[in-house]
Amino acid sequence: MRASKARTEIRQEQIARAAMKLLAVRGWQRVGLADIARQVGLVPSGLYRHFGSKDEVLDAVLDLVGQSFQANVQSARQSTSHPIAQLREALRRHVDLIASGVPVPRIILSKDVFTGSRRHRKRVHAIYRAYLDEIGAMIREGQRQKLIRSQPGPETLSLMWLGLVQSPAILWLLGQGSFDLGEHCHRAWTLFEQMIQPDKSSRPKTSVIPKQ
């Protein structure tokens, strides 16, 4: 029974990832269940054994986005103990996530989420809140160690951090990749890092930020 459940979960993830790839290229409105099934080698009726509707597939796609965000945070934390370096690494991973085909801007702007299902909007909102809470926790720890200025607070700084990539990602999407998202975020991070530094008089002597 457990093996059967595991196989079902694996297949559901395969379907969700296939749907995500199609969403990145076409947009959700132009993706059909038959297209998704074809990507994973199923007939459309086979897909219905795992998902009851296209709406349920989108739920699974949103779950993958949330899991990707949390994985970014955990990887950033494991890469270094320095809060500012963690923020930098989380930003780099967020950029890589978008560039690798996880269509975060397209998901948010799709009719099924932005102007469609209230349930999906709430789900995306919860995903971003959880993400920002984790980023805020990094900032809060940096403030506790006096490595990050005490004002503004973690909530404001976490929103500013997300803004380093969110708006540029939309331009990247609209420009179909012609906009250099990575270079822009690198420059924006440099300014953000300078802005969050505490005054030299209150900065601890051990606040050296690891270099990449």
C-alpha atoms as a PDB file:
ATOM      1  CA  MET A   1       0.000   0.000   0.000  1.00  0.00           C
ATOM      2  CA  ARG A   2       2.819   2.361   0.907  1.00  0.00           C
ATOM      3  CA  ALA A   3       4.651   1.583  -2.342  1.00  0.00           C
ATOM      4  CA  SER A   4       1.509   2.347  -4.321  1.00  0.00           C
ATOM      5  CA  LYS A   5       1.074   5.653  -2.486  1.00  0.00           C
ATOM      6  CA  ALA A   6       4.721   6.559  -3.092  1.00  0.00           C
ATOM      7  CA  ARG A   7       4.362   5.842  -6.807  1.00  0.00           C
ATOM      8  CA  THR A   8       1.256   8.018  -6.922  1.00  0.00           C
ATOM      9  CA  GLU A   9       3.057  10.896  -5.190  1.00  0.00           C
ATOM     10  CA  ILE A  10       6.009  10.584  -7.568  1.00  0.00           C
ATOM     11  CA  ARG A  11       3.687  10.629 -10.569  1.00  0.00           C
ATOM     12  CA  GLN A  12       1.796  13.629  -9.175  1.00  0.00           C
ATOM     13  CA  GLU A  13       5.050  15.529  -8.799  1.00  0.00           C
ATOM     14  CA  GLN A  14       6.079  14.594 -12.347  1.00  0.00           C
ATOM     15  CA  ILE A  15       2.770  15.907 -13.650  1.00  0.00           C
ATOM     16  CA  ALA A  16       3.072  19.121 -11.633  1.00  0.00           C
ATOM     17  CA  ARG A  17       6.614  19.740 -12.902  1.00  0.00           C
ATOM     18  CA  ALA A  18       5.527  19.108 -16.481  1.00  0.00           C
ATOM     19  CA  ALA A  19       2.669  21.572 -16.006  1.00  0.00           C
ATOM     20  CA  MET A  20       5.106  24.108 -14.574  1.00  0.00           C
ATOM     21  CA  LYS A  21       7.355  23.851 -17.633  1.00  0.00           C
ATOM     22  CA  LEU A  22       4.427  24.359 -19.983  1.00  0.00           C
ATOM     23  CA  LEU A  23       3.206  27.265 -17.892  1.00  0.00           C
ATOM     24  CA  ALA A  24       6.616  28.922 -18.208  1.00  0.00           C
ATOM     25  CA  VAL A  25       6.398  28.770 -22.016  1.00  0.00           C
ATOM     26  CA  ARG A  26       2.717  29.240 -22.821  1.00  0.00           C
ATOM     27  CA  GLY A  27       0.854  30.633 -19.843  1.00  0.00           C
ATOM     28  CA  TRP A  28      -1.748  28.647 -17.963  1.00  0.00           C
ATOM     29  CA  GLN A  29      -4.699  29.588 -20.155  1.00  0.00           C
ATOM     30  CA  ARG A  30      -3.034  27.934 -23.153  1.00  0.00           C
ATOM     31  CA  VAL A  31      -2.060  24.738 -21.326  1.00  0.00           C
ATOM     32  CA  GLY A  32      -4.476  21.818 -21.617  1.00  0.00           C
ATOM     33  CA  LEU A  33      -4.595  18.607 -19.633  1.00  0.00           C
ATOM     34  CA  ALA A  34      -3.812  16.692 -22.816  1.00  0.00           C
ATOM     35  CA  ASP A  35      -0.607  18.763 -23.209  1.00  0.00           C
ATOM     36  CA  ILE A  36       0.420  17.989 -19.642  1.00  0.00           C
ATOM     37  CA  ALA A  37      -0.352  14.290 -19.999  1.00  0.00           C
ATOM     38  CA  ARG A  38       1.715  14.112 -23.179  1.00  0.00           C
ATOM     39  CA  GLN A  39       4.727  15.580 -21.390  1.00  0.00           C
ATOM     40  CA  VAL A  40       4.788  12.716 -18.887  1.00  0.00           C
ATOM     41  CA  GLY A  41       3.851   9.969 -21.330  1.00  0.00           C
ATOM     42  CA  LEU A  42       0.233   9.557 -20.261  1.00  0.00           C
ATOM     43  CA  VAL A  43      -3.044   9.604 -22.105  1.00  0.00           C
ATOM     44  CA  PRO A  44      -5.426  12.294 -20.755  1.00  0.00           C
ATOM     45  CA  SER A  45      -7.557   9.689 -18.984  1.00  0.00           C
ATOM     46  CA  GLY A  46      -4.426   8.496 -17.172  1.00  0.00           C
ATOM     47  CA  LEU A  47      -3.842  11.972 -15.784  1.00  0.00           C
ATOM     48  CA  TYR A  48      -7.314  11.926 -14.219  1.00  0.00           C
ATOM     49  CA  ARG A  49      -6.217   9.046 -12.026  1.00  0.00           C
ATOM     50  CA  HIS A  50      -3.958  11.538 -10.224  1.00  0.00           C
ATOM     51  CA  PHE A  51      -5.772  14.862 -10.533  1.00  0.00           C
ATOM     52  CA  GLY A  52      -9.483  15.502 -10.841  1.00  0.00           C
ATOM     53  CA  SER A  53      -9.142  18.734 -12.790  1.00  0.00           C
ATOM     54  CA  LYS A  54      -6.779  21.305 -14.240  1.00  0.00           C
ATOM     55  CA  ASP A  55      -7.464  23.384 -11.140  1.00  0.00           C
ATOM     56  CA  GLU A  56      -5.995  20.638  -8.969  1.00  0.00           C
ATOM     57  CA  VAL A  57      -2.898  20.537 -11.158  1.00  0.00           C
ATOM     58  CA  LEU A  58      -2.425  24.270 -10.559  1.00  0.00           C
ATOM     59  CA  ASP A  59      -2.689  23.614  -6.827  1.00  0.00           C
ATOM     60  CA  ALA A  60       0.172  21.132  -7.185  1.00  0.00           C
ATOM     61  CA  VAL A  61       2.211  23.670  -9.173  1.00  0.00           C
ATOM     62  CA  LEU A  62       1.731  26.236  -6.415  1.00  0.00           C
ATOM     63  CA  ASP A  63       2.831  23.645  -3.866  1.00  0.00           C
ATOM     64  CA  LEU A  64       6.046  23.159  -5.862  1.00  0.00           C
ATOM     65  CA  VAL A  65       6.674  26.907  -5.868  1.00  0.00           C
ATOM     66  CA  GLY A  66       6.241  27.046  -2.098  1.00  0.00           C
ATOM     67  CA  GLN A  67       8.565  24.086  -1.629  1.00  0.00           C
ATOM     68  CA  SER A  68      11.161  25.722  -3.901  1.00  0.00           C
ATOM     69  CA  PHE A  69      11.058  28.930  -1.860  1.00  0.00           C
ATOM     70  CA  GLN A  70      11.547  27.050   1.394  1.00  0.00           C
ATOM     71  CA  ALA A  71      14.342  24.945  -0.115  1.00  0.00           C
ATOM     72  CA  ASN A  72      16.108  28.170  -1.143  1.00  0.00           C
ATOM     73  CA  VAL A  73      15.931  29.453   2.409  1.00  0.00           C
ATOM     74  CA  GLN A  74      17.203  26.214   3.930  1.00  0.00           C
ATOM     75  CA  SER A  75      20.082  25.994   1.445  1.00  0.00           C
ATOM     76  CA  ALA A  76      21.042  29.611   2.157  1.00  0.00           C
ATOM     77  CA  ARG A  77      21.086  28.905   5.887  1.00  0.00           C
ATOM     78  CA  GLN A  78      23.204  25.804   5.436  1.00  0.00           C
ATOM     79  CA  SER A  79      25.717  27.616   3.213  1.00  0.00           C
ATOM     80  CA  THR A  80      26.819  30.114   5.875  1.00  0.00           C
ATOM     81  CA  SER A  81      26.053  31.299   9.400  1.00  0.00           C
ATOM     82  CA  HIS A  82      26.363  34.993   8.516  1.00  0.00           C
ATOM     83  CA  PRO A  83      22.873  36.563   8.180  1.00  0.00           C
ATOM     84  CA  ILE A  84      23.806  39.007   5.398  1.00  0.00           C
ATOM     85  CA  ALA A  85      25.549  36.285   3.422  1.00  0.00           C
ATOM     86  CA  GLN A  86      22.430  34.145   3.894  1.00  0.00           C
ATOM     87  CA  LEU A  87      20.296  36.913   2.410  1.00  0.00           C
ATOM     88  CA  ARG A  88      22.655  37.237  -0.543  1.00  0.00           C
ATOM     89  CA  GLU A  89      22.630  33.488  -1.154  1.00  0.00           C
ATOM     90  CA  ALA A  90      18.830  33.307  -0.897  1.00  0.00           C
ATOM     91  CA  LEU A  91      18.561  36.082  -3.496  1.00  0.00           C
ATOM     92  CA  ARG A  92      20.973  34.307  -5.828  1.00  0.00           C
ATOM     93  CA  ARG A  93      18.988  31.107  -5.512  1.00  0.00           C
ATOM     94  CA  HIS A  94      15.737  32.957  -6.172  1.00  0.00           C
ATOM     95  CA  VAL A  95      17.188  34.361  -9.402  1.00  0.00           C
ATOM     96  CA  ASP A  96      18.436  30.898 -10.391  1.00  0.00           C
ATOM     97  CA  LEU A  97      14.992  29.471  -9.659  1.00  0.00           C
ATOM     98  CA  ILE A  98      13.342  31.866 -12.111  1.00  0.00           C
ATOM     99  CA  ALA A  99      16.047  31.435 -14.740  1.00  0.00           C
ATOM    100  CA  SER A 100      15.806  27.642 -14.496  1.00  0.00           C
ATOM    101  CA  GLY A 101      12.154  27.652 -15.522  1.00  0.00           C
ATOM    102  CA  VAL A 102      10.081  28.070 -12.378  1.00  0.00           C
ATOM    103  CA  PRO A 103       7.731  30.730 -13.771  1.00  0.00           C
ATOM    104  CA  VAL A 104       7.047  32.691 -10.590  1.00  0.00           C
ATOM    105  CA  PRO A 105       6.103  35.976 -12.359  1.00  0.00           C
ATOM    106  CA  ARG A 106       3.859  34.202 -14.859  1.00  0.00           C
ATOM    107  CA  ILE A 107       2.081  32.274 -12.107  1.00  0.00           C
ATOM    108  CA  ILE A 108       1.334  35.441 -10.158  1.00  0.00           C
ATOM    109  CA  LEU A 109       0.104  37.347 -13.199  1.00  0.00           C
ATOM    110  CA  SER A 110      -1.924  34.497 -14.683  1.00  0.00           C
ATOM    111  CA  LYS A 111      -5.689  34.917 -14.876  1.00  0.00           C
ATOM    112  CA  ASP A 112      -6.140  31.765 -12.823  1.00  0.00           C
ATOM    113  CA  VAL A 113      -4.368  33.404  -9.869  1.00  0.00           C
ATOM    114  CA  PHE A 114      -4.285  37.193 -10.144  1.00  0.00           C
ATOM    115  CA  THR A 115      -7.785  37.863 -11.438  1.00  0.00           C
ATOM    116  CA  GLY A 116      -9.336  34.416 -11.150  1.00  0.00           C
ATOM    117  CA  SER A 117      -9.659  32.064  -8.233  1.00  0.00           C
ATOM    118  CA  ARG A 118      -9.785  33.724  -4.824  1.00  0.00           C
ATOM    119  CA  ARG A 119      -8.583  30.454  -3.333  1.00  0.00           C
ATOM    120  CA  HIS A 120      -5.492  30.489  -5.532  1.00  0.00           C
ATOM    121  CA  ARG A 121      -4.774  34.120  -4.660  1.00  0.00           C
ATOM    122  CA  LYS A 122      -4.947  33.220  -0.979  1.00  0.00           C
ATOM    123  CA  ARG A 123      -2.636  30.270  -1.580  1.00  0.00           C
ATOM    124  CA  VAL A 124      -0.028  32.423  -3.345  1.00  0.00           C
ATOM    125  CA  HIS A 125      -0.346  35.026  -0.588  1.00  0.00           C
ATOM    126  CA  ALA A 126       0.324  32.342   2.040  1.00  0.00           C
ATOM    127  CA  ILE A 127       3.349  31.075   0.088  1.00  0.00           C
ATOM    128  CA  TYR A 128       4.871  34.538  -0.050  1.00  0.00           C
ATOM    129  CA  ARG A 129       4.059  35.285   3.585  1.00  0.00           C
ATOM    130  CA  ALA A 130       5.848  32.116   4.679  1.00  0.00           C
ATOM    131  CA  TYR A 131       8.798  33.007   2.447  1.00  0.00           C
ATOM    132  CA  LEU A 132       9.024  36.556   3.776  1.00  0.00           C
ATOM    133  CA  ASP A 133       8.763  35.277   7.347  1.00  0.00           C
ATOM    134  CA  GLU A 134      11.887  33.180   6.759  1.00  0.00           C
ATOM    135  CA  ILE A 135      13.745  36.079   5.163  1.00  0.00           C
ATOM    136  CA  GLY A 136      12.594  38.285   8.039  1.00  0.00           C
ATOM    137  CA  ALA A 137      14.008  35.760  10.510  1.00  0.00           C
ATOM    138  CA  MET A 138      17.432  36.060   8.837  1.00  0.00           C
ATOM    139  CA  ILE A 139      17.197  39.836   9.089  1.00  0.00           C
ATOM    140  CA  ARG A 140      16.068  39.680  12.707  1.00  0.00           C
ATOM    141  CA  GLU A 141      19.065  37.530  13.585  1.00  0.00           C
ATOM    142  CA  GLY A 142      21.363  39.970  11.787  1.00  0.00           C
ATOM    143  CA  GLN A 143      19.862  42.816  13.794  1.00  0.00           C
ATOM    144  CA  ARG A 144      20.301  40.847  17.020  1.00  0.00           C
ATOM    145  CA  GLN A 145      23.984  40.405  16.184  1.00  0.00           C
ATOM    146  CA  LYS A 146      24.197  44.105  15.239  1.00  0.00           C
ATOM    147  CA  LEU A 147      25.262  43.129  11.725  1.00  0.00           C
ATOM    148  CA  ILE A 148      22.164  44.760  10.226  1.00  0.00           C
ATOM    149  CA  ARG A 149      20.817  48.174  11.159  1.00  0.00           C
ATOM    150  CA  SER A 150      17.920  48.076  13.620  1.00  0.00           C
ATOM    151  CA  GLN A 151      15.594  50.206  11.492  1.00  0.00           C
ATOM    152  CA  PRO A 152      13.579  49.627   9.403  1.00  0.00           C
ATOM    153  CA  GLY A 153      12.239  46.442  10.958  1.00  0.00           C
ATOM    154  CA  PRO A 154      12.476  42.903   9.546  1.00  0.00           C
ATOM    155  CA  GLU A 155       9.100  43.041   7.792  1.00  0.00           C
ATOM    156  CA  THR A 156       9.992  46.168   5.822  1.00  0.00           C
ATOM    157  CA  LEU A 157      13.497  44.963   4.994  1.00  0.00           C
ATOM    158  CA  SER A 158      12.213  41.557   3.873  1.00  0.00           C
ATOM    159  CA  LEU A 159       9.798  43.282   1.473  1.00  0.00           C
ATOM    160  CA  MET A 160      12.648  45.417   0.162  1.00  0.00           C
ATOM    161  CA  TRP A 161      14.732  42.258  -0.296  1.00  0.00           C
ATOM    162  CA  LEU A 162      11.961  40.636  -2.333  1.00  0.00           C
ATOM    163  CA  GLY A 163      11.643  43.812  -4.395  1.00  0.00           C
ATOM    164  CA  LEU A 164      15.241  43.345  -5.552  1.00  0.00           C
ATOM    165  CA  VAL A 165      14.038  40.474  -7.759  1.00  0.00           C
ATOM    166  CA  GLN A 166      10.245  40.654  -8.030  1.00  0.00           C
ATOM    167  CA  SER A 167       9.795  43.675 -10.308  1.00  0.00           C
ATOM    168  CA  PRO A 168      12.886  42.899 -12.431  1.00  0.00           C
ATOM    169  CA  ALA A 169      11.549  39.367 -12.875  1.00  0.00           C
ATOM    170  CA  ILE A 170       8.427  40.804 -14.508  1.00  0.00           C
ATOM    171  CA  LEU A 171      10.604  42.803 -16.918  1.00  0.00           C
ATOM    172  CA  TRP A 172      12.586  39.641 -17.603  1.00  0.00           C
ATOM    173  CA  LEU A 173       9.354  37.825 -18.385  1.00  0.00           C
ATOM    174  CA  LEU A 174       8.018  40.580 -20.631  1.00  0.00           C
ATOM    175  CA  GLY A 175      11.353  40.834 -22.435  1.00  0.00           C
ATOM    176  CA  GLN A 176      11.395  37.063 -22.991  1.00  0.00           C
ATOM    177  CA  GLY A 177      14.821  36.793 -21.443  1.00  0.00           C
ATOM    178  CA  SER A 178      16.401  39.833 -23.107  1.00  0.00           C
ATOM    179  CA  PHE A 179      16.541  41.628 -19.749  1.00  0.00           C
ATOM    180  CA  ASP A 180      19.565  40.513 -17.722  1.00  0.00           C
ATOM    181  CA  LEU A 181      17.896  39.546 -14.457  1.00  0.00           C
ATOM    182  CA  GLY A 182      21.051  38.236 -12.809  1.00  0.00           C
ATOM    183  CA  GLU A 183      23.114  41.350 -13.529  1.00  0.00           C
ATOM    184  CA  HIS A 184      20.372  43.696 -12.363  1.00  0.00           C
ATOM    185  CA  CYS A 185      19.885  41.765  -9.106  1.00  0.00           C
ATOM    186  CA  HIS A 186      23.635  41.767  -8.496  1.00  0.00           C
ATOM    187  CA  ARG A 187      23.747  45.567  -8.753  1.00  0.00           C
ATOM    188  CA  ALA A 188      20.592  45.980  -6.690  1.00  0.00           C
ATOM    189  CA  TRP A 189      21.977  43.676  -3.997  1.00  0.00           C
ATOM    190  CA  THR A 190      25.146  45.779  -3.725  1.00  0.00           C
ATOM    191  CA  LEU A 191      23.076  48.861  -2.918  1.00  0.00           C
ATOM    192  CA  PHE A 192      20.793  46.930  -0.551  1.00  0.00           C
ATOM    193  CA  GLU A 193      23.763  45.491   1.313  1.00  0.00           C
ATOM    194  CA  GLN A 194      25.243  48.965   1.789  1.00  0.00           C
ATOM    195  CA  MET A 195      21.906  50.302   2.978  1.00  0.00           C
ATOM    196  CA  ILE A 196      21.356  47.664   5.678  1.00  0.00           C
ATOM    197  CA  GLN A 197      24.835  48.007   7.173  1.00  0.00           C
ATOM    198  CA  PRO A 198      24.796  49.521  10.685  1.00  0.00           C
ATOM    199  CA  ASP A 199      26.709  52.694  11.443  1.00  0.00           C
ATOM    200  CA  LYS A 200      30.424  52.011  11.786  1.00  0.00           C
ATOM    201  CA  SER A 201      30.302  53.098  15.410  1.00  0.00           C
ATOM    202  CA  SER A 202      27.803  50.321  16.260  1.00  0.00           C
ATOM    203  CA  ARG A 203      29.165  47.625  13.943  1.00  0.00           C
ATOM    204  CA  PRO A 204      30.937  44.735  15.761  1.00  0.00           C
ATOM    205  CA  LYS A 205      34.538  44.110  14.793  1.00  0.00           C
ATOM    206  CA  THR A 206      33.697  40.534  13.755  1.00  0.00           C
ATOM    207  CA  SER A 207      31.069  41.549  11.176  1.00  0.00           C
ATOM    208  CA  VAL A 208      33.101  40.498   8.150  1.00  0.00           C
ATOM    209  CA  ILE A 209      30.738  39.271   5.430  1.00  0.00           C
ATOM    210  CA  PRO A 210      31.988  36.102   3.699  1.00  0.00           C
ATOM    211  CA  LYS A 211      32.904  36.686   0.065  1.00  0.00           C
ATOM    212  CA  GLN A 212      31.671  34.501  -2.761  1.00  0.00           C
END
